[in-house]
């Protein structure tokens, strides 16, 4: 479980501030999951069951983020943006 997060300004965030950031990012993931399911722009061969399964998987990921259990690159970037207001451009190291 994520206990501390170092943002792009070098600040280490923990406690309630980190919980708020995780919740905000998880809320974004949940909203996106519901928006995708509602729009229903899936290919015609995708069944309702498959659509529901994709929704459930996305909501499970949001719950994992909320608990600090799933913090990959994209989630870390979103946490940083929530905490700093900056969307940091990341480039391939040469």
PDB file of N, CA and C in Angstrom:
ATOM      1  N   UNK A   1       0.842  -1.186   0.000  1.00  0.00           N
ATOM      2  CA  UNK A   1       0.000   0.000   0.000  1.00  0.00           C
ATOM      3  C   UNK A   1       0.884   1.245   0.000  1.00  0.00           C
ATOM      4  N   UNK A   2       0.532   2.197  -0.813  1.00  0.00           N
ATOM      5  CA  UNK A   2       1.288   3.437  -0.921  1.00  0.00           C
ATOM      6  C   UNK A   2       1.099   4.271   0.342  1.00  0.00           C
ATOM      7  N   UNK A   3       2.209   4.577   0.994  1.00  0.00           N
ATOM      8  CA  UNK A   3       2.175   5.364   2.229  1.00  0.00           C
ATOM      9  C   UNK A   3       2.692   6.783   2.014  1.00  0.00           C
ATOM     10  N   UNK A   4       3.562   6.943   0.996  1.00  0.00           N
ATOM     11  CA  UNK A   4       4.154   8.250   0.699  1.00  0.00           C
ATOM     12  C   UNK A   4       4.282   8.396  -0.806  1.00  0.00           C
ATOM     13  N   UNK A   5       4.204   9.629  -1.265  1.00  0.00           N
ATOM     14  CA  UNK A   5       4.353   9.916  -2.688  1.00  0.00           C
ATOM     15  C   UNK A   5       5.189  11.177  -2.831  1.00  0.00           C
ATOM     16  N   UNK A   6       6.214  11.092  -3.660  1.00  0.00           N
ATOM     17  CA  UNK A   6       7.071  12.250  -3.905  1.00  0.00           C
ATOM     18  C   UNK A   6       6.641  12.896  -5.209  1.00  0.00           C
ATOM     19  N   UNK A   7       6.193  14.159  -5.130  1.00  0.00           N
ATOM     20  CA  UNK A   7       5.716  14.835  -6.338  1.00  0.00           C
ATOM     21  C   UNK A   7       6.878  15.430  -7.126  1.00  0.00           C
ATOM     22  N   UNK A   8       6.561  16.004  -8.271  1.00  0.00           N
ATOM     23  CA  UNK A   8       7.592  16.527  -9.168  1.00  0.00           C
ATOM     24  C   UNK A   8       8.309  17.750  -8.606  1.00  0.00           C
ATOM     25  N   UNK A   9       7.782  18.332  -7.544  1.00  0.00           N
ATOM     26  CA  UNK A   9       8.449  19.450  -6.880  1.00  0.00           C
ATOM     27  C   UNK A   9       9.349  18.972  -5.741  1.00  0.00           C
ATOM     28  N   UNK A  10       9.413  17.657  -5.559  1.00  0.00           N
ATOM     29  CA  UNK A  10      10.264  17.088  -4.526  1.00  0.00           C
ATOM     30  C   UNK A  10       9.602  16.970  -3.168  1.00  0.00           C
ATOM     31  N   UNK A  11       8.332  17.374  -3.070  1.00  0.00           N
ATOM     32  CA  UNK A  11       7.623  17.273  -1.792  1.00  0.00           C
ATOM     33  C   UNK A  11       7.140  15.848  -1.583  1.00  0.00           C
ATOM     34  N   UNK A  12       7.274  15.374  -0.367  1.00  0.00           N
ATOM     35  CA  UNK A  12       6.769  14.053  -0.013  1.00  0.00           C
ATOM     36  C   UNK A  12       5.403  14.244   0.639  1.00  0.00           C
ATOM     37  N   UNK A  13       4.423  13.562   0.083  1.00  0.00           N
ATOM     38  CA  UNK A  13       3.046  13.685   0.546  1.00  0.00           C
ATOM     39  C   UNK A  13       2.645  12.374   1.220  1.00  0.00           C
ATOM     40  N   UNK A  14       1.975  12.489   2.356  1.00  0.00           N
ATOM     41  CA  UNK A  14       1.493  11.308   3.064  1.00  0.00           C
ATOM     42  C   UNK A  14       0.222  11.681   3.825  1.00  0.00           C
ATOM     43  N   UNK A  15      -0.288  10.741   4.583  1.00  0.00           N
ATOM     44  CA  UNK A  15      -1.451  11.013   5.427  1.00  0.00           C
ATOM     45  C   UNK A  15      -2.689  11.401   4.645  1.00  0.00           C
ATOM     46  N   UNK A  16      -3.458  12.315   5.229  1.00  0.00           N
ATOM     47  CA  UNK A  16      -4.752  12.698   4.660  1.00  0.00           C
ATOM     48  C   UNK A  16      -4.618  13.322   3.273  1.00  0.00           C
ATOM     49  N   UNK A  17      -3.562  14.063   3.045  1.00  0.00           N
ATOM     50  CA  UNK A  17      -3.371  14.691   1.725  1.00  0.00           C
ATOM     51  C   UNK A  17      -3.184  13.624   0.643  1.00  0.00           C
ATOM     52  N   UNK A  18      -2.440  12.566   0.961  1.00  0.00           N
ATOM     53  CA  UNK A  18      -2.267  11.476   0.007  1.00  0.00           C
ATOM     54  C   UNK A  18      -3.578  10.728  -0.193  1.00  0.00           C
ATOM     55  N   UNK A  19      -4.317  10.505   0.881  1.00  0.00           N
ATOM     56  CA  UNK A  19      -5.626   9.841   0.777  1.00  0.00           C
ATOM     57  C   UNK A  19      -6.554  10.649  -0.135  1.00  0.00           C
ATOM     58  N   UNK A  20      -6.567  11.951   0.021  1.00  0.00           N
ATOM     59  CA  UNK A  20      -7.398  12.810  -0.835  1.00  0.00           C
ATOM     60  C   UNK A  20      -6.984  12.703  -2.293  1.00  0.00           C
ATOM     61  N   UNK A  21      -5.682  12.688  -2.536  1.00  0.00           N
ATOM     62  CA  UNK A  21      -5.190  12.582  -3.907  1.00  0.00           C
ATOM     63  C   UNK A  21      -5.561  11.231  -4.510  1.00  0.00           C
ATOM     64  N   UNK A  22      -5.376  10.155  -3.761  1.00  0.00           N
ATOM     65  CA  UNK A  22      -5.743   8.823  -4.250  1.00  0.00           C
ATOM     66  C   UNK A  22      -7.237   8.748  -4.539  1.00  0.00           C
ATOM     67  N   UNK A  23      -8.055   9.309  -3.659  1.00  0.00           N
ATOM     68  CA  UNK A  23      -9.502   9.305  -3.877  1.00  0.00           C
ATOM     69  C   UNK A  23      -9.885  10.101  -5.120  1.00  0.00           C
ATOM     70  N   UNK A  24      -9.246  11.242  -5.324  1.00  0.00           N
ATOM     71  CA  UNK A  24      -9.551  12.070  -6.493  1.00  0.00           C
ATOM     72  C   UNK A  24      -9.205  11.343  -7.789  1.00  0.00           C
ATOM     73  N   UNK A  25      -8.052  10.690  -7.813  1.00  0.00           N
ATOM     74  CA  UNK A  25      -7.652   9.946  -9.010  1.00  0.00           C
ATOM     75  C   UNK A  25      -8.571   8.748  -9.211  1.00  0.00           C
ATOM     76  N   UNK A  26      -8.908   8.049  -8.149  1.00  0.00           N
ATOM     77  CA  UNK A  26      -9.833   6.910  -8.257  1.00  0.00           C
ATOM     78  C   UNK A  26     -11.198   7.373  -8.757  1.00  0.00           C
ATOM     79  N   UNK A  27     -11.661   8.518  -8.290  1.00  0.00           N
ATOM     80  CA  UNK A  27     -12.932   9.071  -8.769  1.00  0.00           C
ATOM     81  C   UNK A  27     -12.884   9.338 -10.270  1.00  0.00           C
ATOM     82  N   UNK A  28     -11.747   9.847 -10.754  1.00  0.00           N
ATOM     83  CA  UNK A  28     -11.591  10.082 -12.202  1.00  0.00           C
ATOM     84  C   UNK A  28     -11.673   8.771 -12.969  1.00  0.00           C
ATOM     85  N   UNK A  29     -10.995   7.733 -12.461  1.00  0.00           N
ATOM     86  CA  UNK A  29     -11.041   6.424 -13.124  1.00  0.00           C
ATOM     87  C   UNK A  29     -12.464   5.866 -13.143  1.00  0.00           C
ATOM     88  N   UNK A  30     -13.194   6.008 -12.033  1.00  0.00           N
ATOM     89  CA  UNK A  30     -14.570   5.526 -11.982  1.00  0.00           C
ATOM     90  C   UNK A  30     -15.454   6.262 -12.980  1.00  0.00           C
ATOM     91  N   UNK A  31     -15.325   7.583 -13.013  1.00  0.00           N
ATOM     92  CA  UNK A  31     -16.132   8.379 -13.947  1.00  0.00           C
ATOM     93  C   UNK A  31     -15.844   7.965 -15.386  1.00  0.00           C
ATOM     94  N   UNK A  32     -14.577   7.786 -15.709  1.00  0.00           N
ATOM     95  CA  UNK A  32     -14.207   7.368 -17.055  1.00  0.00           C
ATOM     96  C   UNK A  32     -14.803   6.005 -17.386  1.00  0.00           C
ATOM     97  N   UNK A  33     -14.752   5.079 -16.446  1.00  0.00           N
ATOM     98  CA  UNK A  33     -15.300   3.740 -16.678  1.00  0.00           C
ATOM     99  C   UNK A  33     -16.798   3.803 -16.970  1.00  0.00           C
ATOM    100  N   UNK A  34     -17.532   4.563 -16.176  1.00  0.00           N
ATOM    101  CA  UNK A  34     -18.975   4.694 -16.401  1.00  0.00           C
ATOM    102  C   UNK A  34     -19.274   5.438 -17.702  1.00  0.00           C
ATOM    103  N   UNK A  35     -18.486   6.454 -18.013  1.00  0.00           N
ATOM    104  CA  UNK A  35     -18.686   7.204 -19.263  1.00  0.00           C
ATOM    105  C   UNK A  35     -18.462   6.311 -20.484  1.00  0.00           C
ATOM    106  N   UNK A  36     -17.436   5.476 -20.432  1.00  0.00           N
ATOM    107  CA  UNK A  36     -17.165   4.558 -21.544  1.00  0.00           C
ATOM    108  C   UNK A  36     -18.319   3.589 -21.714  1.00  0.00           C
ATOM    109  N   UNK A  37     -18.803   3.035 -20.605  1.00  0.00           N
ATOM    110  CA  UNK A  37     -19.907   2.064 -20.685  1.00  0.00           C
ATOM    111  C   UNK A  37     -21.186   2.734 -21.181  1.00  0.00           C
ATOM    112  N   UNK A  38     -21.429   3.952 -20.723  1.00  0.00           N
ATOM    113  CA  UNK A  38     -22.644   4.664 -21.132  1.00  0.00           C
ATOM    114  C   UNK A  38     -22.601   5.033 -22.608  1.00  0.00           C
ATOM    115  N   UNK A  39     -21.424   5.482 -23.075  1.00  0.00           N
ATOM    116  CA  UNK A  39     -21.311   5.863 -24.490  1.00  0.00           C
ATOM    117  C   UNK A  39     -21.542   4.672 -25.399  1.00  0.00           C
ATOM    118  N   UNK A  40     -21.089   3.503 -24.961  1.00  0.00           N
ATOM    119  CA  UNK A  40     -21.293   2.255 -25.692  1.00  0.00           C
ATOM    120  C   UNK A  40     -20.776   2.344 -27.129  1.00  0.00           C
ATOM    121  N   UNK A  41     -19.551   2.799 -27.286  1.00  0.00           N
ATOM    122  CA  UNK A  41     -18.944   2.919 -28.619  1.00  0.00           C
ATOM    123  C   UNK A  41     -18.122   1.666 -28.956  1.00  0.00           C
ATOM    124  N   UNK A  42     -18.525   0.556 -28.403  1.00  0.00           N
ATOM    125  CA  UNK A  42     -17.823  -0.694 -28.644  1.00  0.00           C
ATOM    126  C   UNK A  42     -18.123  -1.213 -30.051  1.00  0.00           C
ATOM    127  N   UNK A  43     -17.247  -2.060 -30.549  1.00  0.00           N
ATOM    128  CA  UNK A  43     -17.494  -2.723 -31.829  1.00  0.00           C
ATOM    129  C   UNK A  43     -18.731  -3.603 -31.701  1.00  0.00           C
ATOM    130  N   UNK A  44     -19.391  -3.842 -32.805  1.00  0.00           N
ATOM    131  CA  UNK A  44     -20.667  -4.564 -32.781  1.00  0.00           C
ATOM    132  C   UNK A  44     -20.543  -5.993 -32.268  1.00  0.00           C
ATOM    133  N   UNK A  45     -19.365  -6.600 -32.366  1.00  0.00           N
ATOM    134  CA  UNK A  45     -19.207  -7.987 -31.918  1.00  0.00           C
ATOM    135  C   UNK A  45     -18.977  -8.116 -30.406  1.00  0.00           C
ATOM    136  N   UNK A  46     -18.815  -7.008 -29.698  1.00  0.00           N
ATOM    137  CA  UNK A  46     -18.590  -7.051 -28.257  1.00  0.00           C
ATOM    138  C   UNK A  46     -19.931  -7.241 -27.562  1.00  0.00           C
ATOM    139  N   UNK A  47     -20.009  -8.277 -26.746  1.00  0.00           N
ATOM    140  CA  UNK A  47     -21.277  -8.607 -26.088  1.00  0.00           C
ATOM    141  C   UNK A  47     -21.509  -7.702 -24.870  1.00  0.00           C
ATOM    142  N   UNK A  48     -22.759  -7.656 -24.425  1.00  0.00           N
ATOM    143  CA  UNK A  48     -23.098  -6.894 -23.224  1.00  0.00           C
ATOM    144  C   UNK A  48     -22.324  -7.430 -22.022  1.00  0.00           C
ATOM    145  N   UNK A  49     -22.158  -8.729 -21.981  1.00  0.00           N
ATOM    146  CA  UNK A  49     -21.409  -9.355 -20.891  1.00  0.00           C
ATOM    147  C   UNK A  49     -19.950  -8.890 -20.893  1.00  0.00           C
ATOM    148  N   UNK A  50     -19.356  -8.802 -22.060  1.00  0.00           N
ATOM    149  CA  UNK A  50     -17.972  -8.338 -22.166  1.00  0.00           C
ATOM    150  C   UNK A  50     -17.855  -6.865 -21.764  1.00  0.00           C
ATOM    151  N   UNK A  51     -18.843  -6.077 -22.140  1.00  0.00           N
ATOM    152  CA  UNK A  51     -18.858  -4.656 -21.764  1.00  0.00           C
ATOM    153  C   UNK A  51     -18.964  -4.516 -20.246  1.00  0.00           C
ATOM    154  N   UNK A  52     -19.841  -5.310 -19.652  1.00  0.00           N
ATOM    155  CA  UNK A  52     -20.005  -5.269 -18.199  1.00  0.00           C
ATOM    156  C   UNK A  52     -18.745  -5.755 -17.484  1.00  0.00           C
ATOM    157  N   UNK A  53     -18.097  -6.751 -18.071  1.00  0.00           N
ATOM    158  CA  UNK A  53     -16.853  -7.265 -17.492  1.00  0.00           C
ATOM    159  C   UNK A  53     -15.757  -6.192 -17.548  1.00  0.00           C
ATOM    160  N   UNK A  54     -15.684  -5.466 -18.646  1.00  0.00           N
ATOM    161  CA  UNK A  54     -14.695  -4.384 -18.770  1.00  0.00           C
ATOM    162  C   UNK A  54     -14.978  -3.285 -17.745  1.00  0.00           C
ATOM    163  N   UNK A  55     -16.254  -2.962 -17.554  1.00  0.00           N
ATOM    164  CA  UNK A  55     -16.633  -1.967 -16.553  1.00  0.00           C
ATOM    165  C   UNK A  55     -16.217  -2.431 -15.158  1.00  0.00           C
ATOM    166  N   UNK A  56     -16.530  -3.675 -14.830  1.00  0.00           N
ATOM    167  CA  UNK A  56     -16.189  -4.210 -13.509  1.00  0.00           C
ATOM    168  C   UNK A  56     -14.675  -4.186 -13.283  1.00  0.00           C
ATOM    169  N   UNK A  57     -13.914  -4.534 -14.312  1.00  0.00           N
ATOM    170  CA  UNK A  57     -12.454  -4.526 -14.203  1.00  0.00           C
ATOM    171  C   UNK A  57     -11.943  -3.102 -13.971  1.00  0.00           C
ATOM    172  N   UNK A  58     -12.499  -2.145 -14.673  1.00  0.00           N
ATOM    173  CA  UNK A  58     -12.093  -0.747 -14.502  1.00  0.00           C
ATOM    174  C   UNK A  58     -12.449  -0.226 -13.114  1.00  0.00           C
ATOM    175  N   UNK A  59     -13.614  -0.596 -12.614  1.00  0.00           N
ATOM    176  CA  UNK A  59     -14.027  -0.171 -11.276  1.00  0.00           C
ATOM    177  C   UNK A  59     -13.167  -0.829 -10.202  1.00  0.00           C
ATOM    178  N   UNK A  60     -12.761  -2.072 -10.443  1.00  0.00           N
ATOM    179  CA  UNK A  60     -11.868  -2.742  -9.506  1.00  0.00           C
ATOM    180  C   UNK A  60     -10.516  -2.023  -9.465  1.00  0.00           C
ATOM    181  N   UNK A  61     -10.030  -1.613 -10.621  1.00  0.00           N
ATOM    182  CA  UNK A  61      -8.771  -0.864 -10.671  1.00  0.00           C
ATOM    183  C   UNK A  61      -8.906   0.441  -9.884  1.00  0.00           C
ATOM    184  N   UNK A  62     -10.012   1.143 -10.045  1.00  0.00           N
ATOM    185  CA  UNK A  62     -10.237   2.388  -9.300  1.00  0.00           C
ATOM    186  C   UNK A  62     -10.206   2.120  -7.796  1.00  0.00           C
ATOM    187  N   UNK A  63     -10.810   1.014  -7.359  1.00  0.00           N
ATOM    188  CA  UNK A  63     -10.788   0.662  -5.932  1.00  0.00           C
ATOM    189  C   UNK A  63      -9.364   0.381  -5.456  1.00  0.00           C
ATOM    190  N   UNK A  64      -8.571  -0.275  -6.290  1.00  0.00           N
ATOM    191  CA  UNK A  64      -7.177  -0.549  -5.935  1.00  0.00           C
ATOM    192  C   UNK A  64      -6.382   0.748  -5.812  1.00  0.00           C
ATOM    193  N   UNK A  65      -6.644   1.688  -6.701  1.00  0.00           N
ATOM    194  CA  UNK A  65      -5.985   2.991  -6.627  1.00  0.00           C
ATOM    195  C   UNK A  65      -6.391   3.685  -5.332  1.00  0.00           C
ATOM    196  N   UNK A  66      -7.667   3.667  -5.026  1.00  0.00           N
ATOM    197  CA  UNK A  66      -8.179   4.307  -3.810  1.00  0.00           C
ATOM    198  C   UNK A  66      -7.479   3.767  -2.552  1.00  0.00           C
ATOM    199  N   UNK A  67      -7.181   2.470  -2.565  1.00  0.00           N
ATOM    200  CA  UNK A  67      -6.501   1.848  -1.425  1.00  0.00           C
ATOM    201  C   UNK A  67      -4.976   1.982  -1.497  1.00  0.00           C
ATOM    202  N   UNK A  68      -4.476   2.588  -2.574  1.00  0.00           N
ATOM    203  CA  UNK A  68      -3.033   2.747  -2.742  1.00  0.00           C
ATOM    204  C   UNK A  68      -2.335   1.461  -3.123  1.00  0.00           C
ATOM    205  N   UNK A  69      -3.079   0.533  -3.698  1.00  0.00           N
ATOM    206  CA  UNK A  69      -2.526  -0.771  -4.054  1.00  0.00           C
ATOM    207  C   UNK A  69      -2.103  -0.861  -5.510  1.00  0.00           C
ATOM    208  N   UNK A  70      -2.554   0.052  -6.338  1.00  0.00           N
ATOM    209  CA  UNK A  70      -2.221   0.025  -7.759  1.00  0.00           C
ATOM    210  C   UNK A  70      -1.812   1.421  -8.188  1.00  0.00           C
ATOM    211  N   UNK A  71      -0.509   1.667  -8.171  1.00  0.00           N
ATOM    212  CA  UNK A  71      -0.012   2.984  -8.541  1.00  0.00           C
ATOM    213  C   UNK A  71       1.087   2.800  -9.582  1.00  0.00           C
ATOM    214  N   UNK A  72       0.646   2.620 -10.812  1.00  0.00           N
ATOM    215  CA  UNK A  72       1.582   2.515 -11.913  1.00  0.00           C
ATOM    216  C   UNK A  72       1.914   3.893 -12.458  1.00  0.00           C
ATOM    217  N   UNK A  73       2.547   3.915 -13.604  1.00  0.00           N
ATOM    218  CA  UNK A  73       3.019   5.155 -14.201  1.00  0.00           C
ATOM    219  C   UNK A  73       1.891   6.171 -14.418  1.00  0.00           C
ATOM    220  N   UNK A  74       0.810   5.756 -15.046  1.00  0.00           N
ATOM    221  CA  UNK A  74      -0.286   6.680 -15.349  1.00  0.00           C
ATOM    222  C   UNK A  74      -0.927   7.211 -14.077  1.00  0.00           C
ATOM    223  N   UNK A  75      -1.116   6.353 -13.113  1.00  0.00           N
ATOM    224  CA  UNK A  75      -1.710   6.782 -11.850  1.00  0.00           C
ATOM    225  C   UNK A  75      -0.783   7.747 -11.121  1.00  0.00           C
ATOM    226  N   UNK A  76       0.507   7.458 -11.122  1.00  0.00           N
ATOM    227  CA  UNK A  76       1.471   8.364 -10.487  1.00  0.00           C
ATOM    228  C   UNK A  76       1.443   9.730 -11.169  1.00  0.00           C
ATOM    229  N   UNK A  77       1.337   9.731 -12.478  1.00  0.00           N
ATOM    230  CA  UNK A  77       1.271  10.995 -13.216  1.00  0.00           C
ATOM    231  C   UNK A  77       0.009  11.771 -12.825  1.00  0.00           C
ATOM    232  N   UNK A  78      -1.098  11.078 -12.689  1.00  0.00           N
ATOM    233  CA  UNK A  78      -2.346  11.740 -12.288  1.00  0.00           C
ATOM    234  C   UNK A  78      -2.272  12.241 -10.844  1.00  0.00           C
ATOM    235  N   UNK A  79      -1.649  11.469  -9.963  1.00  0.00           N
ATOM    236  CA  UNK A  79      -1.462  11.928  -8.587  1.00  0.00           C
ATOM    237  C   UNK A  79      -0.633  13.209  -8.577  1.00  0.00           C
ATOM    238  N   UNK A  80       0.429  13.209  -9.350  1.00  0.00           N
ATOM    239  CA  UNK A  80       1.286  14.391  -9.408  1.00  0.00           C
ATOM    240  C   UNK A  80       0.501  15.593  -9.921  1.00  0.00           C
ATOM    241  N   UNK A  81      -0.315  15.389 -10.941  1.00  0.00           N
ATOM    242  CA  UNK A  81      -1.098  16.491 -11.494  1.00  0.00           C
ATOM    243  C   UNK A  81      -2.110  17.008 -10.466  1.00  0.00           C
ATOM    244  N   UNK A  82      -2.723  16.108  -9.724  1.00  0.00           N
ATOM    245  CA  UNK A  82      -3.659  16.525  -8.680  1.00  0.00           C
ATOM    246  C   UNK A  82      -2.946  17.345  -7.607  1.00  0.00           C
ATOM    247  N   UNK A  83      -1.774  16.887  -7.202  1.00  0.00           N
ATOM    248  CA  UNK A  83      -1.054  17.523  -6.099  1.00  0.00           C
ATOM    249  C   UNK A  83      -0.370  18.832  -6.484  1.00  0.00           C
ATOM    250  N   UNK A  84       0.107  18.915  -7.723  1.00  0.00           N
ATOM    251  CA  UNK A  84       0.890  20.089  -8.125  1.00  0.00           C
ATOM    252  C   UNK A  84       0.177  20.996  -9.117  1.00  0.00           C
ATOM    253  N   UNK A  85      -0.805  20.446  -9.807  1.00  0.00           N
ATOM    254  CA  UNK A  85      -1.464  21.206 -10.874  1.00  0.00           C
ATOM    255  C   UNK A  85      -0.677  21.185 -12.165  1.00  0.00           C
ATOM    256  N   UNK A  86       0.452  20.507 -12.164  1.00  0.00           N
ATOM    257  CA  UNK A  86       1.318  20.453 -13.346  1.00  0.00           C
ATOM    258  C   UNK A  86       1.227  19.099 -14.020  1.00  0.00           C
ATOM    259  N   UNK A  87       1.121  19.136 -15.339  1.00  0.00           N
ATOM    260  CA  UNK A  87       1.210  17.906 -16.137  1.00  0.00           C
ATOM    261  C   UNK A  87       2.631  17.875 -16.690  1.00  0.00           C
ATOM    262  N   UNK A  88       3.451  17.069 -16.098  1.00  0.00           N
ATOM    263  CA  UNK A  88       4.867  17.005 -16.442  1.00  0.00           C
ATOM    264  C   UNK A  88       5.059  16.240 -17.729  1.00  0.00           C
ATOM    265  N   UNK A  89       5.754  16.852 -18.671  1.00  0.00           N
ATOM    266  CA  UNK A  89       6.093  16.171 -19.920  1.00  0.00           C
ATOM    267  C   UNK A  89       7.241  15.201 -19.646  1.00  0.00           C
ATOM    268  N   UNK A  90       7.067  13.968 -20.042  1.00  0.00           N
ATOM    269  CA  UNK A  90       8.097  12.960 -19.826  1.00  0.00           C
ATOM    270  C   UNK A  90       8.632  12.515 -21.182  1.00  0.00           C
ATOM    271  N   UNK A  91       9.917  12.542 -21.303  1.00  0.00           N
ATOM    272  CA  UNK A  91      10.565  12.200 -22.555  1.00  0.00           C
ATOM    273  C   UNK A  91      11.467  10.995 -22.375  1.00  0.00           C
ATOM    274  N   UNK A  92      11.667  10.288 -23.452  1.00  0.00           N
ATOM    275  CA  UNK A  92      12.570   9.148 -23.456  1.00  0.00           C
ATOM    276  C   UNK A  92      13.989   9.625 -23.185  1.00  0.00           C
ATOM    277  N   UNK A  93      14.673   8.959 -22.271  1.00  0.00           N
ATOM    278  CA  UNK A  93      16.057   9.314 -21.968  1.00  0.00           C
ATOM    279  C   UNK A  93      16.959   8.800 -23.080  1.00  0.00           C
ATOM    280  N   UNK A  94      17.870   9.638 -23.516  1.00  0.00           N
ATOM    281  CA  UNK A  94      18.775   9.226 -24.599  1.00  0.00           C
ATOM    282  C   UNK A  94      20.104   8.795 -24.057  1.00  0.00           C
TER     283      UNK A  94
END
